[in-house]
Amino acid sequence: MRRAATPLLIVAALALGGCAIEPWVAPYERANLSDPIMSFSRDPVSASYMNHVHEVREGARGAGSAGGGGCGCN
């Protein structure tokens, strides 16, 4: 019984030890991630507009970030 519990305790200790690491991104490094070159789209203004149009047309979904309903008013 003890031999079977030992590897289980070792694996549990390693798994819990992985939760104690520091955050991946330090606060002073977050400016690098907010750089426009890190965005997925080539034209962020156009992407923002198309996102707004999509949210206006699909206003009944309610899963977007824009305020207002399906009528286009904010």
N, C-alpha and C. Protein backbone atom coordinates (compact mmCIF):
# COMPACT_ATOMS: atom_id res chain seq x y z
N MET A 1 0.83 -1.19 0.00
CA MET A 1 0.00 0.00 0.00
C MET A 1 0.87 1.25 0.00
N ARG A 2 1.93 1.24 0.80
CA ARG A 2 2.81 2.40 0.91
C ARG A 2 3.57 2.63 -0.39
N ARG A 3 3.96 1.57 -1.07
CA ARG A 3 4.71 1.69 -2.33
C ARG A 3 3.82 2.29 -3.42
N ALA A 4 2.55 2.02 -3.40
CA ALA A 4 1.64 2.56 -4.41
C ALA A 4 1.34 4.03 -4.14
N ALA A 5 1.36 4.43 -2.88
CA ALA A 5 1.03 5.82 -2.53
C ALA A 5 2.20 6.76 -2.73
N THR A 6 3.42 6.26 -2.68
CA THR A 6 4.60 7.12 -2.81
C THR A 6 4.67 7.81 -4.17
N PRO A 7 4.54 7.10 -5.29
CA PRO A 7 4.58 7.82 -6.59
C PRO A 7 3.42 8.79 -6.75
N LEU A 8 2.28 8.44 -6.18
CA LEU A 8 1.12 9.33 -6.26
C LEU A 8 1.37 10.62 -5.49
N LEU A 9 2.01 10.52 -4.34
CA LEU A 9 2.34 11.71 -3.56
C LEU A 9 3.39 12.57 -4.26
N ILE A 10 4.34 11.93 -4.92
CA ILE A 10 5.37 12.68 -5.65
C ILE A 10 4.74 13.44 -6.81
N VAL A 11 3.87 12.79 -7.55
CA VAL A 11 3.20 13.45 -8.67
C VAL A 11 2.31 14.59 -8.17
N ALA A 12 1.62 14.39 -7.07
CA ALA A 12 0.77 15.45 -6.52
C ALA A 12 1.60 16.62 -6.04
N ALA A 13 2.76 16.35 -5.43
CA ALA A 13 3.62 17.44 -4.97
C ALA A 13 4.18 18.24 -6.15
N LEU A 14 4.55 17.56 -7.22
CA LEU A 14 5.05 18.26 -8.41
C LEU A 14 3.94 19.08 -9.07
N ALA A 15 2.74 18.54 -9.11
CA ALA A 15 1.63 19.27 -9.71
C ALA A 15 1.28 20.52 -8.90
N LEU A 16 1.28 20.42 -7.60
CA LEU A 16 0.99 21.57 -6.76
C LEU A 16 2.14 22.57 -6.77
N GLY A 17 3.35 22.09 -6.93
CA GLY A 17 4.50 22.99 -7.03
C GLY A 17 4.48 23.82 -8.30
N GLY A 18 3.86 23.31 -9.35
CA GLY A 18 3.74 24.06 -10.60
C GLY A 18 2.79 25.23 -10.49
N CYS A 19 1.92 25.22 -9.50
CA CYS A 19 0.98 26.33 -9.31
C CYS A 19 1.63 27.51 -8.59
N ALA A 20 2.82 27.33 -8.06
CA ALA A 20 3.45 28.37 -7.27
C ALA A 20 4.44 29.22 -8.06
N ILE A 21 4.46 29.07 -9.39
CA ILE A 21 5.42 29.84 -10.17
C ILE A 21 4.95 31.28 -10.31
N GLU A 22 5.85 32.17 -10.65
CA GLU A 22 5.51 33.57 -10.83
C GLU A 22 4.73 33.75 -12.14
N PRO A 23 4.05 34.88 -12.31
CA PRO A 23 3.31 35.10 -13.55
C PRO A 23 4.24 35.08 -14.75
N TRP A 24 3.70 34.68 -15.89
CA TRP A 24 4.50 34.58 -17.10
C TRP A 24 4.96 35.95 -17.58
N VAL A 25 4.10 36.95 -17.45
CA VAL A 25 4.42 38.28 -17.95
C VAL A 25 4.53 39.23 -16.75
N ALA A 26 5.68 39.84 -16.64
CA ALA A 26 5.88 40.80 -15.56
C ALA A 26 5.15 42.11 -15.89
N PRO A 27 4.75 42.89 -14.89
CA PRO A 27 4.02 44.12 -15.17
C PRO A 27 4.76 45.09 -16.09
N TYR A 28 6.07 45.15 -15.98
CA TYR A 28 6.82 46.07 -16.84
C TYR A 28 6.98 45.53 -18.26
N GLU A 29 6.65 44.27 -18.52
CA GLU A 29 6.74 43.70 -19.86
C GLU A 29 5.41 43.76 -20.60
N ARG A 30 4.35 44.17 -19.93
CA ARG A 30 3.02 44.18 -20.58
C ARG A 30 2.91 45.25 -21.65
N ALA A 31 3.74 46.28 -21.58
CA ALA A 31 3.74 47.30 -22.63
C ALA A 31 4.15 46.71 -23.97
N ASN A 32 5.02 45.70 -23.94
CA ASN A 32 5.44 45.06 -25.18
C ASN A 32 4.28 44.30 -25.83
N LEU A 33 3.39 43.73 -25.02
CA LEU A 33 2.26 42.99 -25.56
C LEU A 33 1.17 43.91 -26.08
N SER A 34 1.09 45.13 -25.57
CA SER A 34 0.06 46.05 -26.04
C SER A 34 0.53 46.86 -27.25
N ASP A 35 1.70 46.57 -27.74
CA ASP A 35 2.22 47.23 -28.94
C ASP A 35 1.32 46.87 -30.13
N PRO A 36 1.00 47.82 -31.01
CA PRO A 36 0.13 47.52 -32.15
C PRO A 36 0.68 46.43 -33.07
N ILE A 37 1.98 46.23 -33.08
CA ILE A 37 2.53 45.20 -33.95
C ILE A 37 2.15 43.79 -33.47
N MET A 38 1.69 43.68 -32.23
CA MET A 38 1.30 42.38 -31.69
C MET A 38 -0.14 42.01 -32.02
N SER A 39 -0.88 42.88 -32.70
CA SER A 39 -2.28 42.58 -33.02
C SER A 39 -2.35 41.61 -34.19
N PHE A 40 -3.47 40.89 -34.29
CA PHE A 40 -3.64 39.91 -35.35
C PHE A 40 -3.94 40.56 -36.69
N SER A 41 -4.64 41.68 -36.66
CA SER A 41 -5.03 42.31 -37.92
C SER A 41 -3.98 43.31 -38.37
N ARG A 42 -3.93 43.54 -39.67
CA ARG A 42 -2.97 44.50 -40.21
C ARG A 42 -3.47 45.93 -40.05
N ASP A 43 -4.79 46.09 -40.04
CA ASP A 43 -5.38 47.42 -39.91
C ASP A 43 -6.32 47.42 -38.70
N PRO A 44 -5.86 47.86 -37.54
CA PRO A 44 -6.70 47.77 -36.34
C PRO A 44 -7.94 48.65 -36.41
N VAL A 45 -7.89 49.78 -37.12
CA VAL A 45 -9.08 50.64 -37.23
C VAL A 45 -10.16 49.93 -38.03
N SER A 46 -9.77 49.33 -39.14
CA SER A 46 -10.73 48.59 -39.97
C SER A 46 -11.28 47.38 -39.20
N ALA A 47 -10.43 46.69 -38.45
CA ALA A 47 -10.89 45.53 -37.69
C ALA A 47 -11.87 45.95 -36.60
N SER A 48 -11.62 47.10 -35.97
CA SER A 48 -12.54 47.60 -34.95
C SER A 48 -13.89 47.95 -35.57
N TYR A 49 -13.87 48.56 -36.76
CA TYR A 49 -15.11 48.91 -37.43
C TYR A 49 -15.88 47.65 -37.83
N MET A 50 -15.19 46.68 -38.39
CA MET A 50 -15.87 45.45 -38.80
C MET A 50 -16.42 44.69 -37.59
N ASN A 51 -15.72 44.76 -36.47
CA ASN A 51 -16.21 44.15 -35.25
C ASN A 51 -17.49 44.85 -34.79
N HIS A 52 -17.52 46.18 -34.89
CA HIS A 52 -18.72 46.93 -34.52
C HIS A 52 -19.89 46.56 -35.43
N VAL A 53 -19.64 46.47 -36.73
CA VAL A 53 -20.70 46.11 -37.68
C VAL A 53 -21.23 44.71 -37.36
N HIS A 54 -20.34 43.80 -37.06
CA HIS A 54 -20.77 42.44 -36.74
C HIS A 54 -21.61 42.43 -35.47
N GLU A 55 -21.22 43.21 -34.47
CA GLU A 55 -21.98 43.24 -33.23
C GLU A 55 -23.34 43.90 -33.41
N VAL A 56 -23.42 44.88 -34.31
CA VAL A 56 -24.71 45.52 -34.57
C VAL A 56 -25.65 44.54 -35.27
N ARG A 57 -25.13 43.81 -36.21
CA ARG A 57 -25.98 42.85 -36.94
C ARG A 57 -26.36 41.66 -36.08
N GLU A 58 -25.48 41.25 -35.21
CA GLU A 58 -25.74 40.11 -34.35
C GLU A 58 -26.04 40.57 -32.94
N GLY A 59 -26.80 41.64 -32.77
CA GLY A 59 -27.08 42.22 -31.47
C GLY A 59 -27.83 41.30 -30.54
N ALA A 60 -28.55 40.35 -31.08
CA ALA A 60 -29.31 39.44 -30.24
C ALA A 60 -28.41 38.45 -29.53
N ARG A 61 -27.20 38.27 -30.02
CA ARG A 61 -26.29 37.31 -29.37
C ARG A 61 -25.84 37.83 -28.02
N GLY A 62 -25.40 39.05 -27.97
CA GLY A 62 -24.98 39.65 -26.71
C GLY A 62 -23.64 39.18 -26.21
N ALA A 63 -22.79 38.64 -27.07
CA ALA A 63 -21.51 38.12 -26.61
C ALA A 63 -20.36 39.04 -26.96
N GLY A 64 -20.65 40.23 -27.49
CA GLY A 64 -19.58 41.13 -27.88
C GLY A 64 -19.23 42.11 -26.78
N SER A 65 -18.35 43.04 -27.13
CA SER A 65 -17.91 44.01 -26.12
C SER A 65 -18.54 45.38 -26.31
N ALA A 66 -19.28 45.59 -27.39
CA ALA A 66 -19.87 46.90 -27.64
C ALA A 66 -21.18 47.03 -26.85
N GLY A 67 -21.45 48.25 -26.42
CA GLY A 67 -22.68 48.50 -25.70
C GLY A 67 -23.83 48.75 -26.65
N GLY A 68 -25.02 48.69 -26.17
CA GLY A 68 -26.18 48.96 -26.99
C GLY A 68 -26.81 47.68 -27.52
N GLY A 69 -27.89 47.84 -28.22
CA GLY A 69 -28.60 46.69 -28.75
C GLY A 69 -28.31 46.47 -30.21
N GLY A 70 -29.21 45.81 -30.91
CA GLY A 70 -29.05 45.51 -32.32
C GLY A 70 -29.38 46.68 -33.23
N CYS A 71 -29.84 47.82 -32.66
CA CYS A 71 -30.25 48.95 -33.48
C CYS A 71 -29.05 49.81 -33.92
N GLY A 72 -27.88 49.61 -33.36
CA GLY A 72 -26.70 50.38 -33.73
C GLY A 72 -26.43 51.57 -32.82
N CYS A 73 -27.31 51.82 -31.85
CA CYS A 73 -27.09 52.94 -30.95
C CYS A 73 -26.24 52.49 -29.77
N ASN A 74 -25.38 53.37 -29.32
CA ASN A 74 -24.50 53.00 -28.20
C ASN A 74 -24.90 53.77 -26.97
